[in-house]
Each structure stands twice: as structure tokens, then as C-alpha cells.
């Protein structure tokens, strides 16, 4: 006989378990708040500020601000100093050819035909005229989607 492989079942989420977990977590939170308020009870405002300052919030804020500013400066300085200091070589004009003595040309080459402008094929420079009595932005009732139904 073949043995069946053991199946592992995972518990499905239940709202009852979720509510129980929420209740336990909220009790822990309420307990923490009550303990904090017991610490503050009967103390002067200066002492209260000292208790709050012990939490390290201000120190964490200063540290995180310093790290962000330092990161920005670091990641700005690295590309700046790693860039090449080479300046592009100045473009020099090609040397002018020495003029030959005037001779009569033996053959005359036709001038090269200028290449057609590729934008002219698309109609970029064209102006279209519209009838002066009509507004092209008005709705004329044309439904260009009527053929798709």
C-alpha cells in the first residue's frame, strides 16, 4: 500500500482571532500610556520636559537631518570631482587650399541637387485655409465613432 503524504494545514484568518489580537494590543498600549502619565504626575514642567527629552526624539531628528544633508553633499560631490577636467580641443579650421593658376576647366560638373526637406513630406510648413464663416471648434454633430458600433 502507498502511504499518503502528510498534509500541513494552515489556519485561515478569522475575525474573532483578529479582534482578540487587537484587544490585547490596545491593552498594552493603554498600559504604556498610563505608565508614562504616572511618571509625569506631580512633576514640574521643567522635569516633564526632561522626561520627554530622554526619549531621544530631538537627537534622532538632528541625526537624521545631518545624515540626509551629508548624503546629498556626498552624492553631489562625487560626480563633480570624478568628472573629467579635459576641455574639448578647439576646432581648428581646415587649411585653405593653395589656389592653382587659372586654367580653363576641361569638364563642368553639374551642381549637386539639394536634398528634399523631410518635413515638407509631413506638411509641417503648410498653411490650411478654412471658410471664414465657420468655427472649426464647434460641434457639427459628426460622430466619427459611429462606424465602430
C-alpha atoms as a PDB file:
ATOM      1  CA  UNK A   1       0.000   0.000   0.000  1.00  0.00           C
ATOM      2  CA  UNK A   2       1.085   3.505  -0.721  1.00  0.00           C
ATOM      3  CA  UNK A   3       1.417   5.859   2.184  1.00  0.00           C
ATOM      4  CA  UNK A   4      -0.297   9.222   1.974  1.00  0.00           C
ATOM      5  CA  UNK A   5       1.902  12.273   2.244  1.00  0.00           C
ATOM      6  CA  UNK A   6       1.227  14.269   5.372  1.00  0.00           C
ATOM      7  CA  UNK A   7      -0.684  17.432   4.762  1.00  0.00           C
ATOM      8  CA  UNK A   8       0.032  20.591   6.643  1.00  0.00           C
ATOM      9  CA  UNK A   9      -2.910  22.800   7.202  1.00  0.00           C
ATOM     10  CA  UNK A  10      -2.634  26.487   7.763  1.00  0.00           C
ATOM     11  CA  UNK A  11      -5.192  28.233   9.863  1.00  0.00           C
ATOM     12  CA  UNK A  12      -7.452  30.536   7.942  1.00  0.00           C
ATOM     13  CA  UNK A  13      -7.752  34.093   9.091  1.00  0.00           C
ATOM     14  CA  UNK A  14     -10.629  34.591  11.445  1.00  0.00           C
ATOM     15  CA  UNK A  15     -12.119  37.833  12.544  1.00  0.00           C
ATOM     16  CA  UNK A  16     -12.510  36.533  16.106  1.00  0.00           C
ATOM     17  CA  UNK A  17      -8.746  35.954  16.408  1.00  0.00           C
ATOM     18  CA  UNK A  18      -8.050  39.347  14.859  1.00  0.00           C
ATOM     19  CA  UNK A  19     -10.340  41.082  17.353  1.00  0.00           C
ATOM     20  CA  UNK A  20      -8.686  39.234  20.256  1.00  0.00           C
ATOM     21  CA  UNK A  21      -5.251  40.336  18.999  1.00  0.00           C
ATOM     22  CA  UNK A  22      -6.444  43.927  18.620  1.00  0.00           C
ATOM     23  CA  UNK A  23      -7.852  43.904  22.168  1.00  0.00           C
ATOM     24  CA  UNK A  24      -4.582  42.588  23.616  1.00  0.00           C
ATOM     25  CA  UNK A  25      -2.505  45.113  21.694  1.00  0.00           C
ATOM     26  CA  UNK A  26      -4.714  48.027  22.705  1.00  0.00           C
ATOM     27  CA  UNK A  27      -4.449  46.967  26.379  1.00  0.00           C
ATOM     28  CA  UNK A  28      -0.654  47.023  26.067  1.00  0.00           C
ATOM     29  CA  UNK A  29      -0.806  50.496  24.521  1.00  0.00           C
ATOM     30  CA  UNK A  30      -3.120  51.780  27.245  1.00  0.00           C
ATOM     31  CA  UNK A  31      -0.747  50.344  29.857  1.00  0.00           C
ATOM     32  CA  UNK A  32       2.218  52.143  28.318  1.00  0.00           C
ATOM     33  CA  UNK A  33       0.358  55.453  28.249  1.00  0.00           C
ATOM     34  CA  UNK A  34      -0.743  55.053  31.892  1.00  0.00           C
ATOM     35  CA  UNK A  35       2.830  54.303  32.952  1.00  0.00           C
ATOM     36  CA  UNK A  36       4.067  57.393  31.113  1.00  0.00           C
ATOM     37  CA  UNK A  37       1.411  59.578  32.749  1.00  0.00           C
ATOM     38  CA  UNK A  38       2.302  58.164  36.211  1.00  0.00           C
ATOM     39  CA  UNK A  39       5.888  59.262  35.571  1.00  0.00           C
ATOM     40  CA  UNK A  40       4.743  62.800  34.771  1.00  0.00           C
ATOM     41  CA  UNK A  41       2.315  63.119  37.692  1.00  0.00           C
ATOM     42  CA  UNK A  42       3.406  65.628  40.320  1.00  0.00           C
ATOM     43  CA  UNK A  43       6.395  66.941  38.408  1.00  0.00           C
ATOM     44  CA  UNK A  44       7.190  70.488  37.351  1.00  0.00           C
ATOM     45  CA  UNK A  45       7.049  71.434  33.665  1.00  0.00           C
ATOM     46  CA  UNK A  46      10.850  71.503  33.513  1.00  0.00           C
ATOM     47  CA  UNK A  47      11.021  67.972  34.869  1.00  0.00           C
ATOM     48  CA  UNK A  48       8.317  66.878  32.414  1.00  0.00           C
ATOM     49  CA  UNK A  49      10.321  68.272  29.530  1.00  0.00           C
ATOM     50  CA  UNK A  50      13.303  66.354  30.829  1.00  0.00           C
ATOM     51  CA  UNK A  51      11.320  63.101  30.785  1.00  0.00           C
ATOM     52  CA  UNK A  52      10.185  63.772  27.221  1.00  0.00           C
ATOM     53  CA  UNK A  53      13.708  64.766  26.189  1.00  0.00           C
ATOM     54  CA  UNK A  54      15.007  61.433  27.438  1.00  0.00           C
ATOM     55  CA  UNK A  55      13.063  59.756  24.679  1.00  0.00           C
ATOM     56  CA  UNK A  56      15.762  60.833  22.214  1.00  0.00           C
ATOM     57  CA  UNK A  57      13.378  62.324  19.668  1.00  0.00           C
ATOM     58  CA  UNK A  58      15.343  65.546  19.285  1.00  0.00           C
ATOM     59  CA  UNK A  59      18.653  63.696  18.985  1.00  0.00           C
ATOM     60  CA  UNK A  60      17.155  61.397  16.337  1.00  0.00           C
ATOM     61  CA  UNK A  61      15.786  64.372  14.409  1.00  0.00           C
ATOM     62  CA  UNK A  62      19.180  66.107  14.378  1.00  0.00           C
ATOM     63  CA  UNK A  63      20.959  62.888  13.413  1.00  0.00           C
ATOM     64  CA  UNK A  64      18.581  62.118  10.537  1.00  0.00           C
ATOM     65  CA  UNK A  65      18.770  65.702   9.245  1.00  0.00           C
ATOM     66  CA  UNK A  66      22.573  65.564   9.325  1.00  0.00           C
ATOM     67  CA  UNK A  67      22.622  62.223   7.517  1.00  0.00           C
ATOM     68  CA  UNK A  68      20.307  63.445   4.763  1.00  0.00           C
ATOM     69  CA  UNK A  69      22.281  66.665   4.228  1.00  0.00           C
ATOM     70  CA  UNK A  70      25.555  64.719   4.302  1.00  0.00           C
ATOM     71  CA  UNK A  71      24.205  62.216   1.773  1.00  0.00           C
ATOM     72  CA  UNK A  72      23.115  64.984  -0.566  1.00  0.00           C
ATOM     73  CA  UNK A  73      26.508  66.676  -0.350  1.00  0.00           C
ATOM     74  CA  UNK A  74      28.356  63.396  -0.803  1.00  0.00           C
ATOM     75  CA  UNK A  75      26.376  62.262  -3.813  1.00  0.00           C
ATOM     76  CA  UNK A  76      26.724  65.710  -5.360  1.00  0.00           C
ATOM     77  CA  UNK A  77      30.469  65.982  -4.749  1.00  0.00           C
ATOM     78  CA  UNK A  78      31.373  62.539  -6.087  1.00  0.00           C
ATOM     79  CA  UNK A  79      30.191  63.182  -9.665  1.00  0.00           C
ATOM     80  CA  UNK A  80      31.561  66.728  -9.551  1.00  0.00           C
ATOM     81  CA  UNK A  81      35.081  65.653  -8.668  1.00  0.00           C
ATOM     82  CA  UNK A  82      35.010  62.461 -10.725  1.00  0.00           C
ATOM     83  CA  UNK A  83      34.163  64.399 -13.886  1.00  0.00           C
ATOM     84  CA  UNK A  84      36.852  64.848 -16.482  1.00  0.00           C
ATOM     85  CA  UNK A  85      38.866  68.023 -16.391  1.00  0.00           C
ATOM     86  CA  UNK A  86      39.698  67.729 -20.049  1.00  0.00           C
ATOM     87  CA  UNK A  87      38.438  70.586 -22.098  1.00  0.00           C
ATOM     88  CA  UNK A  88      37.383  69.840 -25.641  1.00  0.00           C
ATOM     89  CA  UNK A  89      40.058  70.670 -28.175  1.00  0.00           C
ATOM     90  CA  UNK A  90      39.349  73.880 -30.055  1.00  0.00           C
ATOM     91  CA  UNK A  91      38.043  73.236 -33.505  1.00  0.00           C
ATOM     92  CA  UNK A  92      40.549  74.471 -35.996  1.00  0.00           C
ATOM     93  CA  UNK A  93      39.525  75.463 -39.450  1.00  0.00           C
ATOM     94  CA  UNK A  94      40.785  73.256 -42.249  1.00  0.00           C
ATOM     95  CA  UNK A  95      43.710  74.728 -44.133  1.00  0.00           C
ATOM     96  CA  UNK A  96      42.763  76.757 -47.151  1.00  0.00           C
ATOM     97  CA  UNK A  97      43.903  75.181 -50.372  1.00  0.00           C
ATOM     98  CA  UNK A  98      46.535  76.957 -52.376  1.00  0.00           C
ATOM     99  CA  UNK A  99      44.970  78.460 -55.425  1.00  0.00           C
ATOM    100  CA  UNK A 100      46.126  76.972 -58.663  1.00  0.00           C
ATOM    101  CA  UNK A 101      46.769  79.153 -61.666  1.00  0.00           C
ATOM    102  CA  UNK A 102      43.665  79.905 -63.630  1.00  0.00           C
ATOM    103  CA  UNK A 103      43.050  77.344 -66.293  1.00  0.00           C
ATOM    104  CA  UNK A 104      40.035  76.638 -68.328  1.00  0.00           C
ATOM    105  CA  UNK A 105      38.107  73.735 -66.861  1.00  0.00           C
ATOM    106  CA  UNK A 106      38.054  70.680 -69.069  1.00  0.00           C
ATOM    107  CA  UNK A 107      34.743  69.337 -67.782  1.00  0.00           C
ATOM    108  CA  UNK A 108      31.968  71.063 -65.964  1.00  0.00           C
ATOM    109  CA  UNK A 109      30.293  69.027 -63.248  1.00  0.00           C
ATOM    110  CA  UNK A 110      26.623  69.717 -62.630  1.00  0.00           C
ATOM    111  CA  UNK A 111      25.770  71.218 -59.251  1.00  0.00           C
ATOM    112  CA  UNK A 112      24.580  68.726 -56.662  1.00  0.00           C
ATOM    113  CA  UNK A 113      20.831  68.649 -56.185  1.00  0.00           C
ATOM    114  CA  UNK A 114      19.827  69.767 -52.668  1.00  0.00           C
ATOM    115  CA  UNK A 115      18.195  67.040 -50.598  1.00  0.00           C
ATOM    116  CA  UNK A 116      14.444  67.477 -50.138  1.00  0.00           C
ATOM    117  CA  UNK A 117      13.323  68.648 -46.728  1.00  0.00           C
ATOM    118  CA  UNK A 118      11.858  65.646 -44.852  1.00  0.00           C
ATOM    119  CA  UNK A 119       9.436  67.901 -43.007  1.00  0.00           C
ATOM    120  CA  UNK A 120       7.850  69.026 -46.241  1.00  0.00           C
ATOM    121  CA  UNK A 121       6.526  65.495 -46.745  1.00  0.00           C
ATOM    122  CA  UNK A 122       4.710  65.784 -43.418  1.00  0.00           C
ATOM    123  CA  UNK A 123       3.199  69.144 -44.254  1.00  0.00           C
ATOM    124  CA  UNK A 124       4.858  70.993 -41.393  1.00  0.00           C
ATOM    125  CA  UNK A 125       5.202  74.333 -43.122  1.00  0.00           C
ATOM    126  CA  UNK A 126       1.845  74.318 -44.903  1.00  0.00           C
ATOM    127  CA  UNK A 127      -0.987  76.657 -44.089  1.00  0.00           C
ATOM    128  CA  UNK A 128      -4.520  75.412 -44.474  1.00  0.00           C
ATOM    129  CA  UNK A 129      -7.343  77.818 -45.092  1.00  0.00           C
ATOM    130  CA  UNK A 130     -10.765  77.416 -43.519  1.00  0.00           C
ATOM    131  CA  UNK A 131     -14.024  79.088 -44.543  1.00  0.00           C
ATOM    132  CA  UNK A 132     -14.285  82.380 -42.642  1.00  0.00           C
ATOM    133  CA  UNK A 133     -17.946  81.839 -41.668  1.00  0.00           C
ATOM    134  CA  UNK A 134     -17.453  78.556 -39.749  1.00  0.00           C
ATOM    135  CA  UNK A 135     -15.873  77.859 -36.394  1.00  0.00           C
ATOM    136  CA  UNK A 136     -13.696  74.732 -36.574  1.00  0.00           C
ATOM    137  CA  UNK A 137     -14.133  74.148 -32.835  1.00  0.00           C
ATOM    138  CA  UNK A 138     -17.926  73.929 -32.940  1.00  0.00           C
ATOM    139  CA  UNK A 139     -19.624  70.549 -32.690  1.00  0.00           C
ATOM    140  CA  UNK A 140     -21.160  69.744 -36.049  1.00  0.00           C
ATOM    141  CA  UNK A 141     -22.778  66.524 -34.880  1.00  0.00           C
ATOM    142  CA  UNK A 142     -20.206  64.387 -36.646  1.00  0.00           C
ATOM    143  CA  UNK A 143     -19.768  61.124 -34.796  1.00  0.00           C
ATOM    144  CA  UNK A 144     -16.551  59.603 -36.010  1.00  0.00           C
ATOM    145  CA  UNK A 145     -17.166  56.510 -33.863  1.00  0.00           C
ATOM    146  CA  UNK A 146     -20.497  55.620 -35.480  1.00  0.00           C
ATOM    147  CA  UNK A 147     -18.872  53.019 -37.751  1.00  0.00           C
ATOM    148  CA  UNK A 148     -17.483  51.092 -34.781  1.00  0.00           C
ATOM    149  CA  UNK A 149     -20.883  50.036 -33.401  1.00  0.00           C
END
